[in-house]
Protein backbone atom coordinates (compact mmCIF):
# COMPACT_ATOMS: atom_id res chain seq x y z
CA UNK A 1 -21.87 -181.49 -22.46
CA UNK A 2 -20.25 -182.11 -25.90
CA UNK A 3 -17.71 -179.69 -27.38
CA UNK A 4 -15.49 -180.48 -30.57
CA UNK A 5 -11.89 -180.67 -30.56
CA UNK A 6 -11.49 -180.68 -26.47
CA UNK A 7 -8.64 -182.31 -24.98
CA UNK A 8 -7.78 -182.78 -21.55
CA UNK A 9 -4.91 -183.37 -19.05
CA UNK A 10 -3.83 -182.94 -15.34
CA UNK A 11 -0.70 -180.45 -15.80
CA UNK A 12 -1.15 -178.96 -12.45
CA UNK A 13 -1.48 -182.33 -10.91
CA UNK A 14 -3.81 -185.13 -10.33
CA UNK A 15 -6.33 -183.09 -8.37
CA UNK A 16 -6.90 -180.51 -11.21
CA UNK A 17 -8.03 -181.42 -14.92
CA UNK A 18 -7.70 -178.73 -17.91
CA UNK A 19 -9.73 -178.95 -20.60
CA UNK A 20 -8.56 -177.26 -23.80
CA UNK A 21 -9.22 -176.41 -27.06
CA UNK A 22 -6.53 -175.56 -29.78
CA UNK A 23 -4.16 -176.02 -26.84
CA UNK A 24 -5.46 -173.42 -24.64
CA UNK A 25 -7.48 -173.82 -21.35
CA UNK A 26 -10.88 -172.87 -21.27
CA UNK A 27 -11.80 -174.98 -18.08
CA UNK A 28 -10.00 -176.21 -14.89
CA UNK A 29 -11.58 -178.54 -12.46
CA UNK A 30 -10.52 -178.98 -8.86
CA UNK A 31 -12.28 -182.46 -8.22
CA UNK A 32 -10.14 -183.39 -4.92
CA UNK A 33 -10.78 -179.80 -3.61
CA UNK A 34 -13.45 -179.12 -0.70
CA UNK A 35 -15.62 -177.66 -2.02
CA UNK A 36 -14.84 -178.82 -5.90
CA UNK A 37 -14.53 -175.88 -8.12
CA UNK A 38 -14.57 -174.75 -11.76
CA UNK A 39 -12.33 -172.06 -13.12
CA UNK A 40 -13.35 -170.79 -16.75
CA UNK A 41 -12.77 -167.78 -18.81
CA UNK A 42 -15.49 -165.34 -19.43
CA UNK A 43 -16.25 -161.65 -20.48
CA UNK A 44 -14.80 -159.29 -18.08
CA UNK A 45 -17.84 -157.14 -17.62
CA UNK A 46 -19.99 -160.26 -17.50
CA UNK A 47 -17.69 -161.59 -14.99
CA UNK A 48 -18.46 -158.59 -12.84
CA UNK A 49 -21.98 -158.89 -12.81
CA UNK A 50 -21.72 -162.87 -12.16
CA UNK A 51 -19.72 -162.30 -9.19
CA UNK A 52 -21.88 -159.62 -7.64
CA UNK A 53 -24.86 -162.04 -8.28
CA UNK A 54 -23.64 -165.20 -6.87
CA UNK A 55 -21.66 -165.49 -3.90
CA UNK A 56 -19.92 -168.79 -5.05
CA UNK A 57 -18.17 -167.10 -8.06
CA UNK A 58 -15.10 -165.12 -7.37
CA UNK A 59 -12.10 -163.87 -9.67
CA UNK A 60 -10.29 -167.01 -11.11
CA UNK A 61 -8.31 -168.98 -8.95
CA UNK A 62 -4.56 -169.37 -10.24
CA UNK A 63 -5.85 -167.29 -13.29
CA UNK A 64 -5.98 -163.70 -14.75
CA UNK A 65 -8.56 -162.44 -12.13
CA UNK A 66 -9.98 -160.13 -14.75
CA UNK A 67 -10.83 -162.56 -17.53
CA UNK A 68 -11.49 -165.68 -15.32
CA UNK A 69 -13.95 -166.71 -12.74
CA UNK A 70 -14.06 -169.76 -10.01
CA UNK A 71 -17.14 -171.28 -9.03
CA UNK A 72 -17.31 -173.24 -5.78
CA UNK A 73 -19.76 -176.13 -5.54
CA UNK A 74 -20.85 -175.07 -2.07
CA UNK A 75 -24.18 -175.93 -2.07
CA UNK A 76 -25.47 -172.35 -3.23
CA UNK A 77 -25.29 -172.93 -6.79
CA UNK A 78 -26.05 -175.85 -8.63
CA UNK A 79 -23.55 -177.48 -11.03
CA UNK A 80 -25.54 -177.49 -13.77
CA UNK A 81 -26.12 -173.67 -13.81
CA UNK A 82 -22.27 -173.39 -14.70
CA UNK A 83 -22.74 -175.50 -17.96
CA UNK A 84 -23.67 -172.33 -19.76
CA UNK A 85 -20.57 -170.25 -18.31
CA UNK A 86 -18.58 -173.15 -19.42
CA UNK A 87 -20.30 -173.37 -22.87
CA UNK A 88 -19.42 -169.31 -23.21
CA UNK A 89 -15.79 -169.96 -21.99
CA UNK A 90 -15.17 -172.51 -24.74
CA UNK A 91 -16.72 -170.05 -27.19
CA UNK A 92 -14.51 -167.19 -26.00
CA UNK A 93 -11.33 -169.22 -26.08
CA UNK A 94 -11.94 -170.67 -29.54
CA UNK A 95 -12.83 -167.41 -30.96
CA UNK A 96 -9.22 -166.11 -29.58
CA UNK A 97 -7.37 -168.95 -31.28
CA UNK A 98 -5.21 -168.00 -34.39
CA UNK A 99 -7.21 -168.29 -37.43
CA UNK A 100 -4.89 -171.19 -38.52
CA UNK A 101 -5.54 -173.22 -35.70
CA UNK A 102 -9.33 -172.35 -35.89
CA UNK A 103 -8.87 -173.85 -39.77
CA UNK A 104 -7.20 -176.89 -38.78
CA UNK A 105 -9.64 -177.85 -36.19
CA UNK A 106 -12.50 -177.19 -38.80
CA UNK A 107 -10.43 -179.42 -41.34
CA UNK A 108 -10.65 -182.14 -38.85
CA UNK A 109 -14.23 -181.93 -38.38
CA UNK A 110 -14.55 -182.13 -42.07
CA UNK A 111 -12.47 -185.32 -42.71
């Protein structure tokens, strides 16, 4: 999965990696948890559908429950299935960045 302008850090500790675009988090991965999990931003209406469809998807862990979801990799869902959700999260967060930040990121791509 390649997304432009992505940075990452462990601001919440070594067990959680935060992926950002324009300084805003769009994905958190809990690698040391059992089960492992991913928390991502998503459309509030579509989040309700995901949660109703997939038992492993719950309101965002340590996040805005309305705007994010956590998926637990507990064997009931394939990790690959979440790639589309993560891509959508990236797009949502990128679109909400201030125009100036988006323009600066675009200028870096053109350089």
